[in-house]
Amino acid sequence: MNDNLELSQDKLVRAWQSQLPTNLDPSDNAQVQPDGANPQSLRIHIDAAGRQMYSFDFQCSYVDSREVKIDLIDVERDGRTVDERTEIIQDMAEGYVRNIHECAQALKDVTHRN
């Protein structure tokens, strides 16, 4: 059984742009872009709500049509790279990873064809 992702990257980006905001806090802002190096990956930028001005960059890669691998690429605060190992950033990043997994799950009817 072939379980590879067979959806074009453009359609994948559009589906994620539509779905991801519903998985995040309404005051967070997310942008989804294609990963130029990998057609089965997306780049996700999230501006966190609140006064701390954190932004998170993730790479979301489809392992197959149902499973995603998520990597935290960078965290910035007010435009400056910060240490990603602090407890508050780890907690926030884990929450966003959970939101991204929930988005992938919500899109399984789009990405996985029987």
N, C-alpha and C. Protein backbone atom coordinates (compact mmCIF):
# COMPACT_ATOMS: atom_id res chain seq x y z
N MET A 1 0.83 -1.18 0.00
CA MET A 1 0.00 0.00 0.00
C MET A 1 0.88 1.25 0.00
N ASN A 2 0.63 2.14 -0.94
CA ASN A 2 1.36 3.39 -1.04
C ASN A 2 0.72 4.41 -0.11
N ASP A 3 1.48 4.87 0.87
CA ASP A 3 0.95 5.82 1.85
C ASP A 3 1.65 7.17 1.76
N ASN A 4 2.29 7.44 0.61
CA ASN A 4 2.97 8.71 0.43
C ASN A 4 1.97 9.83 0.27
N LEU A 5 2.38 11.02 0.65
CA LEU A 5 1.56 12.20 0.46
C LEU A 5 1.53 12.52 -1.02
N GLU A 6 0.33 12.57 -1.60
CA GLU A 6 0.21 12.80 -3.03
C GLU A 6 -0.53 14.09 -3.34
N LEU A 7 -0.53 15.02 -2.42
CA LEU A 7 -1.19 16.31 -2.58
C LEU A 7 -0.13 17.33 -2.97
N SER A 8 -0.46 18.21 -3.92
CA SER A 8 0.52 19.23 -4.30
C SER A 8 0.82 20.14 -3.12
N GLN A 9 2.01 20.69 -3.12
CA GLN A 9 2.41 21.56 -2.02
C GLN A 9 1.52 22.80 -1.94
N ASP A 10 1.10 23.34 -3.09
CA ASP A 10 0.22 24.51 -3.08
C ASP A 10 -1.11 24.20 -2.40
N LYS A 11 -1.70 23.06 -2.73
CA LYS A 11 -2.96 22.68 -2.10
C LYS A 11 -2.77 22.41 -0.61
N LEU A 12 -1.64 21.82 -0.27
CA LEU A 12 -1.33 21.55 1.13
C LEU A 12 -1.21 22.86 1.92
N VAL A 13 -0.50 23.83 1.36
CA VAL A 13 -0.35 25.13 2.02
C VAL A 13 -1.71 25.79 2.21
N ARG A 14 -2.54 25.78 1.18
CA ARG A 14 -3.87 26.40 1.28
C ARG A 14 -4.72 25.71 2.35
N ALA A 15 -4.66 24.39 2.41
CA ALA A 15 -5.43 23.66 3.42
C ALA A 15 -4.95 24.02 4.82
N TRP A 16 -3.64 24.10 5.00
CA TRP A 16 -3.09 24.45 6.32
C TRP A 16 -3.41 25.90 6.67
N GLN A 17 -3.33 26.81 5.71
CA GLN A 17 -3.65 28.21 5.98
C GLN A 17 -5.09 28.36 6.43
N SER A 18 -5.95 27.53 5.91
CA SER A 18 -7.35 27.57 6.28
C SER A 18 -7.60 26.94 7.65
N GLN A 19 -6.96 25.81 7.92
CA GLN A 19 -7.24 25.04 9.14
C GLN A 19 -6.47 25.50 10.37
N LEU A 20 -5.20 25.84 10.22
CA LEU A 20 -4.36 26.11 11.40
C LEU A 20 -4.91 27.19 12.32
N PRO A 21 -5.43 28.30 11.81
CA PRO A 21 -5.97 29.32 12.74
C PRO A 21 -7.07 28.78 13.66
N THR A 22 -7.80 27.78 13.22
CA THR A 22 -8.86 27.22 14.07
C THR A 22 -8.29 26.35 15.19
N ASN A 23 -7.02 25.95 15.06
CA ASN A 23 -6.37 25.13 16.08
C ASN A 23 -5.56 25.97 17.07
N LEU A 24 -5.41 27.25 16.79
CA LEU A 24 -4.63 28.14 17.64
C LEU A 24 -5.54 29.04 18.46
N ASP A 25 -4.96 29.66 19.46
CA ASP A 25 -5.65 30.71 20.19
C ASP A 25 -6.04 31.80 19.18
N PRO A 26 -7.25 32.33 19.25
CA PRO A 26 -7.68 33.33 18.27
C PRO A 26 -6.78 34.56 18.20
N SER A 27 -6.06 34.87 19.25
CA SER A 27 -5.20 36.05 19.22
C SER A 27 -3.78 35.75 18.71
N ASP A 28 -3.45 34.47 18.47
CA ASP A 28 -2.18 34.12 17.83
C ASP A 28 -2.32 34.34 16.33
N ASN A 29 -1.21 34.59 15.68
CA ASN A 29 -1.22 34.80 14.23
C ASN A 29 -0.27 33.80 13.59
N ALA A 30 -0.75 33.07 12.59
CA ALA A 30 0.08 32.05 11.94
C ALA A 30 0.16 32.30 10.44
N GLN A 31 1.33 31.98 9.90
CA GLN A 31 1.55 32.03 8.46
C GLN A 31 2.13 30.68 8.05
N VAL A 32 1.60 30.13 6.97
CA VAL A 32 2.07 28.84 6.46
C VAL A 32 2.62 29.08 5.06
N GLN A 33 3.84 28.59 4.83
CA GLN A 33 4.48 28.75 3.53
C GLN A 33 5.07 27.42 3.09
N PRO A 34 5.23 27.25 1.77
CA PRO A 34 5.89 26.03 1.30
C PRO A 34 7.36 26.03 1.70
N ASP A 35 7.90 24.86 1.92
CA ASP A 35 9.33 24.71 2.16
C ASP A 35 9.97 24.52 0.79
N GLY A 36 10.77 25.46 0.38
CA GLY A 36 11.37 25.42 -0.95
C GLY A 36 12.29 24.23 -1.18
N ALA A 37 12.82 23.66 -0.12
CA ALA A 37 13.77 22.55 -0.25
C ALA A 37 13.10 21.19 -0.25
N ASN A 38 11.85 21.11 0.25
CA ASN A 38 11.19 19.81 0.38
C ASN A 38 9.70 19.97 0.06
N PRO A 39 9.22 19.36 -1.02
CA PRO A 39 7.82 19.52 -1.40
C PRO A 39 6.84 18.86 -0.43
N GLN A 40 7.33 18.04 0.50
CA GLN A 40 6.46 17.40 1.49
C GLN A 40 6.55 18.09 2.85
N SER A 41 7.09 19.32 2.85
CA SER A 41 7.26 20.07 4.09
C SER A 41 6.66 21.46 3.97
N LEU A 42 6.32 21.99 5.12
CA LEU A 42 5.79 23.34 5.24
C LEU A 42 6.63 24.10 6.25
N ARG A 43 6.64 25.40 6.12
CA ARG A 43 7.24 26.29 7.12
C ARG A 43 6.09 27.02 7.80
N ILE A 44 6.07 26.96 9.11
CA ILE A 44 4.99 27.58 9.89
C ILE A 44 5.59 28.62 10.81
N HIS A 45 5.11 29.85 10.70
CA HIS A 45 5.54 30.96 11.55
C HIS A 45 4.35 31.36 12.42
N ILE A 46 4.56 31.39 13.73
CA ILE A 46 3.49 31.76 14.65
C ILE A 46 3.95 32.93 15.50
N ASP A 47 3.18 34.01 15.45
CA ASP A 47 3.38 35.14 16.36
C ASP A 47 2.47 34.91 17.54
N ALA A 48 3.08 34.73 18.71
CA ALA A 48 2.31 34.44 19.92
C ALA A 48 1.59 35.69 20.41
N ALA A 49 0.40 35.46 20.92
CA ALA A 49 -0.37 36.55 21.51
C ALA A 49 0.31 37.00 22.79
N GLY A 50 0.05 38.22 23.17
CA GLY A 50 0.59 38.70 24.45
C GLY A 50 1.65 39.76 24.28
N ARG A 51 2.09 40.26 25.39
CA ARG A 51 3.03 41.38 25.39
C ARG A 51 4.48 40.96 25.27
N GLN A 52 4.76 39.67 25.33
CA GLN A 52 6.16 39.24 25.30
C GLN A 52 6.74 39.20 23.90
N MET A 53 5.90 39.30 22.89
CA MET A 53 6.32 39.40 21.49
C MET A 53 7.20 38.24 21.03
N TYR A 54 6.81 37.02 21.37
CA TYR A 54 7.52 35.83 20.91
C TYR A 54 6.99 35.42 19.53
N SER A 55 7.90 34.92 18.70
CA SER A 55 7.49 34.30 17.45
C SER A 55 8.26 32.98 17.31
N PHE A 56 7.58 32.00 16.74
CA PHE A 56 8.11 30.65 16.62
C PHE A 56 8.10 30.23 15.16
N ASP A 57 9.17 29.59 14.73
CA ASP A 57 9.25 29.03 13.38
C ASP A 57 9.41 27.52 13.48
N PHE A 58 8.55 26.82 12.76
CA PHE A 58 8.56 25.36 12.75
C PHE A 58 8.67 24.86 11.32
N GLN A 59 9.26 23.68 11.17
CA GLN A 59 9.18 22.93 9.92
C GLN A 59 8.28 21.74 10.19
N CYS A 60 7.28 21.57 9.35
CA CYS A 60 6.35 20.45 9.46
C CYS A 60 6.51 19.60 8.21
N SER A 61 7.00 18.38 8.38
CA SER A 61 7.26 17.48 7.26
C SER A 61 6.36 16.27 7.33
N TYR A 62 5.77 15.92 6.20
CA TYR A 62 4.95 14.72 6.14
C TYR A 62 5.85 13.50 5.98
N VAL A 63 5.79 12.59 6.96
CA VAL A 63 6.51 11.32 6.91
C VAL A 63 5.78 10.40 5.93
N ASP A 64 4.46 10.42 6.00
CA ASP A 64 3.58 9.76 5.05
C ASP A 64 2.29 10.57 5.02
N SER A 65 1.24 10.05 4.43
CA SER A 65 0.02 10.84 4.27
C SER A 65 -0.72 11.12 5.57
N ARG A 66 -0.32 10.46 6.65
CA ARG A 66 -1.01 10.65 7.93
C ARG A 66 -0.13 11.19 9.05
N GLU A 67 1.17 11.02 8.94
CA GLU A 67 2.06 11.37 10.05
C GLU A 67 2.95 12.55 9.70
N VAL A 68 3.06 13.50 10.64
CA VAL A 68 3.95 14.64 10.45
C VAL A 68 5.05 14.64 11.50
N LYS A 69 6.18 15.17 11.09
CA LYS A 69 7.32 15.38 11.99
C LYS A 69 7.48 16.89 12.11
N ILE A 70 7.54 17.39 13.33
CA ILE A 70 7.59 18.82 13.56
C ILE A 70 8.90 19.17 14.24
N ASP A 71 9.61 20.13 13.66
CA ASP A 71 10.87 20.60 14.24
C ASP A 71 10.77 22.09 14.53
N LEU A 72 11.18 22.47 15.73
CA LEU A 72 11.29 23.88 16.09
C LEU A 72 12.57 24.41 15.46
N ILE A 73 12.44 25.42 14.62
CA ILE A 73 13.59 25.97 13.90
C ILE A 73 14.19 27.17 14.63
N ASP A 74 13.32 28.07 15.09
CA ASP A 74 13.81 29.30 15.70
C ASP A 74 12.73 29.91 16.59
N VAL A 75 13.18 30.61 17.62
CA VAL A 75 12.28 31.40 18.47
C VAL A 75 12.89 32.79 18.58
N GLU A 76 12.05 33.79 18.38
CA GLU A 76 12.50 35.16 18.53
C GLU A 76 11.60 35.89 19.51
N ARG A 77 12.19 36.88 20.15
CA ARG A 77 11.42 37.77 21.02
C ARG A 77 11.73 39.18 20.58
N ASP A 78 10.70 39.86 20.12
CA ASP A 78 10.85 41.23 19.64
C ASP A 78 11.93 41.31 18.56
N GLY A 79 11.96 40.30 17.66
CA GLY A 79 12.87 40.30 16.53
C GLY A 79 14.27 39.76 16.80
N ARG A 80 14.55 39.32 18.02
CA ARG A 80 15.87 38.79 18.35
C ARG A 80 15.78 37.32 18.72
N THR A 81 16.72 36.54 18.22
CA THR A 81 16.77 35.12 18.57
C THR A 81 17.01 34.97 20.06
N VAL A 82 16.27 34.04 20.68
CA VAL A 82 16.40 33.81 22.12
C VAL A 82 16.73 32.34 22.38
N ASP A 83 17.14 32.06 23.60
CA ASP A 83 17.46 30.70 24.03
C ASP A 83 16.16 29.88 24.08
N GLU A 84 16.12 28.83 23.29
CA GLU A 84 14.91 28.01 23.19
C GLU A 84 14.77 27.02 24.34
N ARG A 85 15.75 26.96 25.22
CA ARG A 85 15.75 25.95 26.28
C ARG A 85 15.06 26.41 27.56
N THR A 86 14.64 27.66 27.63
CA THR A 86 13.98 28.13 28.85
C THR A 86 12.63 27.45 29.01
N GLU A 87 12.18 27.35 30.24
CA GLU A 87 10.94 26.63 30.53
C GLU A 87 9.73 27.26 29.83
N ILE A 88 9.63 28.59 29.87
CA ILE A 88 8.46 29.24 29.26
C ILE A 88 8.42 28.98 27.75
N ILE A 89 9.58 29.06 27.10
CA ILE A 89 9.61 28.83 25.65
C ILE A 89 9.34 27.37 25.33
N GLN A 90 9.90 26.45 26.12
CA GLN A 90 9.62 25.03 25.91
C GLN A 90 8.13 24.73 26.06
N ASP A 91 7.51 25.32 27.08
CA ASP A 91 6.07 25.11 27.29
C ASP A 91 5.25 25.66 26.12
N MET A 92 5.61 26.86 25.67
CA MET A 92 4.89 27.46 24.54
C MET A 92 5.10 26.62 23.28
N ALA A 93 6.34 26.22 23.02
CA ALA A 93 6.64 25.42 21.83
C ALA A 93 5.89 24.10 21.85
N GLU A 94 5.84 23.44 23.02
CA GLU A 94 5.10 22.17 23.13
C GLU A 94 3.62 22.38 22.83
N GLY A 95 3.07 23.49 23.28
CA GLY A 95 1.68 23.79 22.98
C GLY A 95 1.45 23.98 21.49
N TYR A 96 2.37 24.70 20.84
CA TYR A 96 2.22 24.90 19.40
C TYR A 96 2.43 23.60 18.62
N VAL A 97 3.35 22.77 19.06
CA VAL A 97 3.53 21.46 18.41
C VAL A 97 2.24 20.66 18.51
N ARG A 98 1.61 20.70 19.67
CA ARG A 98 0.33 20.01 19.85
C ARG A 98 -0.73 20.58 18.90
N ASN A 99 -0.78 21.92 18.77
CA ASN A 99 -1.72 22.55 17.85
C ASN A 99 -1.46 22.14 16.41
N ILE A 100 -0.18 22.05 16.03
CA ILE A 100 0.18 21.67 14.66
C ILE A 100 -0.22 20.21 14.41
N HIS A 101 0.01 19.33 15.38
CA HIS A 101 -0.42 17.94 15.24
C HIS A 101 -1.95 17.86 15.11
N GLU A 102 -2.66 18.66 15.88
CA GLU A 102 -4.13 18.68 15.79
C GLU A 102 -4.58 19.15 14.41
N CYS A 103 -3.88 20.12 13.85
CA CYS A 103 -4.20 20.59 12.51
C CYS A 103 -3.97 19.48 11.49
N ALA A 104 -2.84 18.79 11.59
CA ALA A 104 -2.56 17.68 10.68
C ALA A 104 -3.65 16.61 10.78
N GLN A 105 -4.08 16.33 12.00
CA GLN A 105 -5.15 15.34 12.21
C GLN A 105 -6.45 15.81 11.56
N ALA A 106 -6.75 17.09 11.70
CA ALA A 106 -7.98 17.63 11.12
C ALA A 106 -7.95 17.59 9.59
N LEU A 107 -6.76 17.59 9.01
CA LEU A 107 -6.61 17.58 7.55
C LEU A 107 -6.42 16.19 6.97
N LYS A 108 -6.53 15.15 7.79
CA LYS A 108 -6.25 13.79 7.30
C LYS A 108 -7.15 13.39 6.15
N ASP A 109 -8.38 13.90 6.10
CA ASP A 109 -9.25 13.57 4.97
C ASP A 109 -8.75 14.19 3.67
N VAL A 110 -7.98 15.26 3.78
CA VAL A 110 -7.41 15.92 2.60
C VAL A 110 -6.11 15.24 2.19
N THR A 111 -5.30 14.86 3.17
CA THR A 111 -3.97 14.33 2.87
C THR A 111 -3.92 12.82 2.68
N HIS A 112 -4.87 12.10 3.24
CA HIS A 112 -4.83 10.64 3.17
C HIS A 112 -5.99 10.13 2.32
N ARG A 113 -5.63 9.54 1.21
CA ARG A 113 -6.63 8.94 0.31
C ARG A 113 -6.56 7.43 0.46
N ASN A 114 -7.68 6.80 0.65
CA ASN A 114 -7.71 5.33 0.78
C ASN A 114 -7.49 4.66 -0.55
